[in-house]
Amino acid sequence: MNFLEVKGLTKNFGGLVAVSDLDFRVEKGQLFGIIGPNGAGKTTIFNLISGALMPIRGKIIFKGEDVTELSAHRIAAKGIVRTFQMKNLFYDMSVMENMLTAYHLHYKAGNWSHFFGTPSAQKDEWEAREKAIQMLKYVGLENKEDVLAKFLPYGHQSALGIILALTVNPELLLLDEPVTGMNEAEIQVVMGLIQKIRNMGITLIVVEHNMKVIMRLCEHIMVVNFGKKIAEGSPSEISQNREVIEAYLGVEEGEKNINRIILPEK
């Protein structure tokens, strides 16, 4: 049984075909990359998988269950969680306050218990803080607990946004352009975090415009253009695919410059 299977997925916006008859599979534990030029349909694919959009046809099968028509909330409850380029951060709250707010959504005690500060509420608060401390240590943010999120370096903001998503214990994590706008040092922080998450047994799908990052990070890559899959395979297979080269650079410039934008540095 495939962990995630997408069959014939199609989505139109008026007369524009955003995703067209798309098929792909993701295995459990895989680090799966999706790349493509601007406007290729990458974000729409994520919106469909996470339930933010409904397809006009096709199916999304997660662990053998058809989740195509489920709401985003119900899909998240099944174990599919998406990040949104740090839009889930509370920028005027500290790192620890961000973590505790995320864990607050999963407290065992009810709202009235927390309002009155009952023993069960205090236990929840203690457990949440302990979990937060351990998670922050895991990603190297243990000394940033009291720093406001807006004052973190860009790479650490992205790392915080990603670990906030981990508070809901996802089985499949969808990362939407996690290194956009970062310098090389910040990219290394986020790439290290993604590898750690993968080592935790969480399956990841990464949509990213930075092709070198995808090539260094993922063992299997799908390339889309104009809403259609044009290639799929290992990084080395993708880097040598003529359709991919033409989609990014055009026919004349492709062969000359493909190594510059696709192949990872040695």
Protein backbone atom coordinates (compact mmCIF):
# COMPACT_ATOMS: atom_id res chain seq x y z
CA MET A 1 0.00 0.00 0.00
CA ASN A 2 1.33 3.44 -0.96
CA PHE A 3 1.61 6.02 1.79
CA LEU A 4 0.24 8.81 -0.43
CA GLU A 5 -1.16 8.32 -3.91
CA VAL A 6 -2.45 11.07 -6.18
CA LYS A 7 -4.53 9.94 -9.16
CA GLY A 8 -5.66 12.12 -12.05
CA LEU A 9 -5.70 15.29 -9.94
CA THR A 10 -7.13 18.25 -11.86
CA LYS A 11 -7.96 21.82 -10.84
CA ASN A 12 -9.12 24.75 -12.96
CA PHE A 13 -9.47 28.42 -12.08
CA GLY A 14 -11.95 29.71 -14.62
CA GLY A 15 -10.40 28.95 -17.99
CA LEU A 16 -6.93 28.40 -16.50
CA VAL A 17 -5.81 24.82 -15.89
CA ALA A 18 -3.66 24.97 -12.73
CA VAL A 19 -3.18 21.20 -12.30
CA SER A 20 -3.95 18.70 -15.06
CA ASP A 21 -4.41 14.95 -14.69
CA LEU A 22 -1.56 14.63 -12.19
CA ASP A 23 -0.39 11.22 -10.92
CA PHE A 24 2.34 10.52 -8.37
CA ARG A 25 3.12 8.39 -5.33
CA VAL A 26 5.04 9.06 -2.13
CA GLU A 27 6.42 6.23 -0.03
CA LYS A 28 6.47 6.27 3.76
CA GLY A 29 9.65 7.87 5.09
CA GLN A 30 10.51 9.46 1.76
CA LEU A 31 11.83 12.98 1.24
CA PHE A 32 9.96 13.90 -1.94
CA GLY A 33 10.62 17.14 -3.82
CA ILE A 34 8.37 19.08 -6.19
CA ILE A 35 9.93 21.70 -8.44
CA GLY A 36 8.90 23.73 -11.46
CA PRO A 37 9.08 27.22 -12.95
CA ASN A 38 6.98 30.06 -11.54
CA GLY A 39 3.30 29.41 -12.17
CA ALA A 40 3.83 25.69 -12.72
CA GLY A 41 1.14 24.69 -10.20
CA LYS A 42 3.30 23.66 -7.25
CA THR A 43 1.38 25.60 -4.59
CA THR A 44 -1.96 24.47 -6.03
CA ILE A 45 -0.84 20.85 -5.61
CA PHE A 46 -0.17 21.52 -1.93
CA ASN A 47 -3.52 23.28 -1.56
CA LEU A 48 -5.27 20.25 -3.01
CA ILE A 49 -3.45 17.69 -0.86
CA SER A 50 -4.00 19.69 2.33
CA GLY A 51 -7.69 20.30 1.65
CA ALA A 52 -7.45 24.07 1.13
CA LEU A 53 -8.82 23.50 -2.39
CA MET A 54 -11.08 20.84 -3.87
CA PRO A 55 -10.16 19.26 -7.23
CA ILE A 56 -12.64 19.12 -10.07
CA ARG A 57 -11.61 15.50 -10.54
CA GLY A 58 -9.05 12.98 -9.34
CA LYS A 59 -8.34 11.31 -6.02
CA ILE A 60 -5.97 11.73 -3.08
CA ILE A 61 -5.41 8.46 -1.22
CA PHE A 62 -3.62 8.62 2.15
CA LYS A 63 -2.70 5.32 3.83
CA GLY A 64 -5.36 3.56 1.77
CA GLU A 65 -8.14 6.07 2.57
CA ASP A 66 -9.71 8.45 0.06
CA VAL A 67 -9.33 11.93 1.62
CA THR A 68 -10.10 13.91 -1.53
CA GLU A 69 -13.26 15.60 -0.27
CA LEU A 70 -12.28 16.05 3.37
CA SER A 71 -11.91 19.52 4.86
CA ALA A 72 -8.45 20.89 5.69
CA HIS A 73 -9.17 20.38 9.39
CA ARG A 74 -10.08 16.72 8.94
CA ILE A 75 -7.10 16.08 6.67
CA ALA A 76 -4.80 17.58 9.32
CA ALA A 77 -6.39 15.28 11.89
CA LYS A 78 -5.49 12.34 9.63
CA GLY A 79 -1.83 13.34 9.85
CA ILE A 80 -1.20 15.61 6.83
CA VAL A 81 0.12 19.00 7.96
CA ARG A 82 1.27 21.90 5.84
CA THR A 83 3.53 24.88 6.57
CA PHE A 84 2.97 28.29 4.99
CA GLN A 85 6.33 30.07 4.64
CA MET A 86 6.32 31.21 8.30
CA LYS A 87 2.80 32.69 8.12
CA ASN A 88 1.91 30.58 11.15
CA LEU A 89 4.27 32.52 13.47
CA PHE A 90 3.16 34.99 16.12
CA TYR A 91 5.85 37.58 15.48
CA ASP A 92 5.22 39.69 18.60
CA MET A 93 5.45 36.66 20.90
CA SER A 94 8.58 34.96 22.16
CA VAL A 95 9.83 31.67 20.79
CA MET A 96 8.56 29.84 23.89
CA GLU A 97 5.19 31.60 23.74
CA ASN A 98 4.84 30.51 20.13
CA MET A 99 5.51 26.91 21.15
CA LEU A 100 3.14 26.97 24.11
CA THR A 101 0.38 28.49 21.98
CA ALA A 102 0.74 25.65 19.50
CA TYR A 103 0.68 23.01 22.23
CA HIS A 104 -2.29 24.74 23.87
CA LEU A 105 -4.45 23.51 20.99
CA HIS A 106 -3.80 19.94 22.13
CA TYR A 107 -4.21 20.23 25.88
CA LYS A 108 -6.09 17.34 27.47
CA ALA A 109 -7.81 19.58 30.01
CA GLY A 110 -10.76 21.69 28.91
CA ASN A 111 -10.82 25.48 28.55
CA TRP A 112 -12.53 25.98 31.92
CA SER A 113 -9.80 23.97 33.63
CA HIS A 114 -7.17 26.29 32.19
CA PHE A 115 -9.20 29.35 33.11
CA PHE A 116 -9.33 28.29 36.75
CA GLY A 117 -5.79 26.90 36.87
CA THR A 118 -6.81 23.41 37.99
CA PRO A 119 -4.19 20.70 38.69
CA SER A 120 -4.94 19.08 35.32
CA ALA A 121 -4.37 22.41 33.59
CA GLN A 122 -1.11 22.94 35.46
CA LYS A 123 0.00 19.45 34.44
CA ASP A 124 -0.78 20.24 30.80
CA GLU A 125 1.20 23.47 31.03
CA TRP A 126 4.21 21.71 32.54
CA GLU A 127 4.12 18.93 29.92
CA ALA A 128 3.81 21.46 27.09
CA ARG A 129 6.77 23.47 28.37
CA GLU A 130 8.91 20.32 28.70
CA LYS A 131 8.04 19.24 25.17
CA ALA A 132 8.77 22.73 23.87
CA ILE A 133 12.17 22.82 25.56
CA GLN A 134 13.14 19.46 24.08
CA MET A 135 11.98 20.46 20.59
CA LEU A 136 13.84 23.78 20.74
CA LYS A 137 17.01 21.96 21.82
CA TYR A 138 16.58 19.57 18.91
CA VAL A 139 16.68 22.42 16.39
CA GLY A 140 19.24 24.61 18.15
CA LEU A 141 16.85 27.26 19.47
CA GLU A 142 17.19 26.43 23.17
CA ASN A 143 18.94 29.74 23.88
CA LYS A 144 16.31 31.75 22.01
CA GLU A 145 13.30 30.97 24.22
CA ASP A 146 12.71 34.58 25.29
CA VAL A 147 13.50 36.20 21.93
CA LEU A 148 10.55 37.66 20.02
CA ALA A 149 9.95 35.69 16.82
CA LYS A 150 10.29 38.85 14.70
CA PHE A 151 13.88 39.32 15.92
CA LEU A 152 15.06 35.84 14.93
CA PRO A 153 17.25 35.45 11.84
CA TYR A 154 15.22 34.42 8.82
CA GLY A 155 16.48 30.83 8.90
CA HIS A 156 15.54 30.45 12.57
CA GLN A 157 12.09 31.90 11.87
CA SER A 158 11.57 29.22 9.26
CA ALA A 159 12.84 26.54 11.67
CA LEU A 160 10.41 27.76 14.33
CA GLY A 161 7.53 27.68 11.86
CA ILE A 162 8.39 24.12 10.92
CA ILE A 163 8.59 22.84 14.50
CA LEU A 164 5.27 24.52 15.30
CA ALA A 165 3.80 22.21 12.67
CA LEU A 166 5.38 19.25 14.49
CA THR A 167 3.30 19.93 17.62
CA VAL A 168 0.35 18.20 15.94
CA ASN A 169 2.41 15.01 15.39
CA PRO A 170 2.13 14.83 11.58
CA GLU A 171 2.85 11.70 9.59
CA LEU A 172 3.19 13.66 6.35
CA LEU A 173 4.63 17.19 6.46
CA LEU A 174 4.19 19.50 3.45
CA LEU A 175 6.88 22.19 3.39
CA ASP A 176 6.06 25.16 1.17
CA GLU A 177 9.27 26.89 -0.02
CA PRO A 178 11.06 26.60 3.33
CA VAL A 179 14.25 28.42 2.23
CA THR A 180 12.80 31.26 0.15
CA GLY A 181 14.80 34.49 0.53
CA MET A 182 17.53 32.99 2.70
CA ASN A 183 21.29 33.26 2.51
CA GLU A 184 23.46 30.16 2.40
CA ALA A 185 24.00 29.98 6.17
CA GLU A 186 20.25 30.18 6.82
CA ILE A 187 19.58 27.58 4.14
CA GLN A 188 21.96 25.20 5.90
CA VAL A 189 20.02 25.64 9.19
CA VAL A 190 16.72 24.73 7.55
CA MET A 191 18.15 21.86 5.49
CA GLY A 192 19.64 20.37 8.66
CA LEU A 193 16.27 20.61 10.37
CA ILE A 194 14.49 18.92 7.46
CA GLN A 195 16.96 16.03 7.62
CA LYS A 196 16.37 15.68 11.37
CA ILE A 197 12.61 15.56 10.83
CA ARG A 198 13.04 12.89 8.20
CA ASN A 199 15.16 10.92 10.69
CA MET A 200 12.22 11.09 13.12
CA GLY A 201 10.26 8.92 10.67
CA ILE A 202 8.12 11.72 9.27
CA THR A 203 7.48 11.68 5.52
CA LEU A 204 8.09 15.03 3.80
CA ILE A 205 7.06 16.65 0.55
CA VAL A 206 9.00 19.83 -0.19
CA VAL A 207 7.93 22.44 -2.73
CA GLU A 208 10.83 24.74 -3.42
CA HIS A 209 11.92 27.18 -6.10
CA ASN A 210 15.60 26.76 -5.18
CA MET A 211 16.52 23.79 -7.34
CA LYS A 212 19.97 23.26 -5.86
CA VAL A 213 18.41 22.82 -2.41
CA ILE A 214 15.96 20.23 -3.73
CA MET A 215 18.76 18.39 -5.51
CA ARG A 216 20.84 18.25 -2.32
CA LEU A 217 17.92 17.36 -0.08
CA CYS A 218 15.58 14.93 -1.84
CA GLU A 219 16.14 11.45 -3.16
CA HIS A 220 13.08 11.59 -5.44
CA ILE A 221 11.85 14.63 -7.38
CA MET A 222 8.82 15.47 -9.51
CA VAL A 223 8.96 18.36 -11.97
CA VAL A 224 5.77 20.13 -13.03
CA ASN A 225 5.15 22.76 -15.69
CA PHE A 226 1.82 24.35 -16.61
CA GLY A 227 0.13 22.01 -14.13
CA LYS A 228 1.46 18.80 -15.70
CA LYS A 229 4.16 16.39 -14.62
CA ILE A 230 7.01 16.56 -17.13
CA ALA A 231 9.58 14.43 -15.29
CA GLU A 232 10.08 12.32 -12.19
CA GLY A 233 13.09 10.52 -10.78
CA SER A 234 16.36 10.86 -8.90
CA PRO A 235 18.29 14.16 -8.84
CA SER A 236 20.75 12.87 -11.43
CA GLU A 237 17.91 11.78 -13.73
CA ILE A 238 16.16 15.13 -13.37
CA SER A 239 19.34 17.12 -14.04
CA GLN A 240 19.78 15.32 -17.38
CA ASN A 241 16.14 15.50 -18.51
CA ARG A 242 15.79 17.65 -21.61
CA GLU A 243 12.18 18.65 -20.88
CA VAL A 244 13.26 19.97 -17.49
CA ILE A 245 16.13 21.91 -19.03
CA GLU A 246 13.85 23.48 -21.63
CA ALA A 247 11.15 24.33 -19.07
CA TYR A 248 13.62 26.32 -16.97
CA LEU A 249 15.98 27.79 -19.52
CA GLY A 250 14.61 27.33 -23.01
CA VAL A 251 16.13 25.25 -25.78
CA GLU A 252 19.10 27.44 -26.71
CA GLU A 253 20.37 28.31 -23.23
CA GLY A 254 19.46 25.05 -21.56
CA GLU A 255 22.41 22.82 -22.31
CA LYS A 256 24.89 25.61 -21.61
CA ASN A 257 23.57 26.72 -18.22
CA ILE A 258 21.68 23.81 -16.67
CA ASN A 259 24.54 22.86 -14.34
CA ARG A 260 24.56 26.37 -12.90
CA ILE A 261 20.96 26.22 -11.64
CA ILE A 262 20.27 22.52 -11.12
CA LEU A 263 23.27 20.51 -10.08
CA PRO A 264 24.30 20.74 -6.41
CA GLU A 265 27.72 22.00 -5.52
CA LYS A 266 30.27 19.28 -4.82
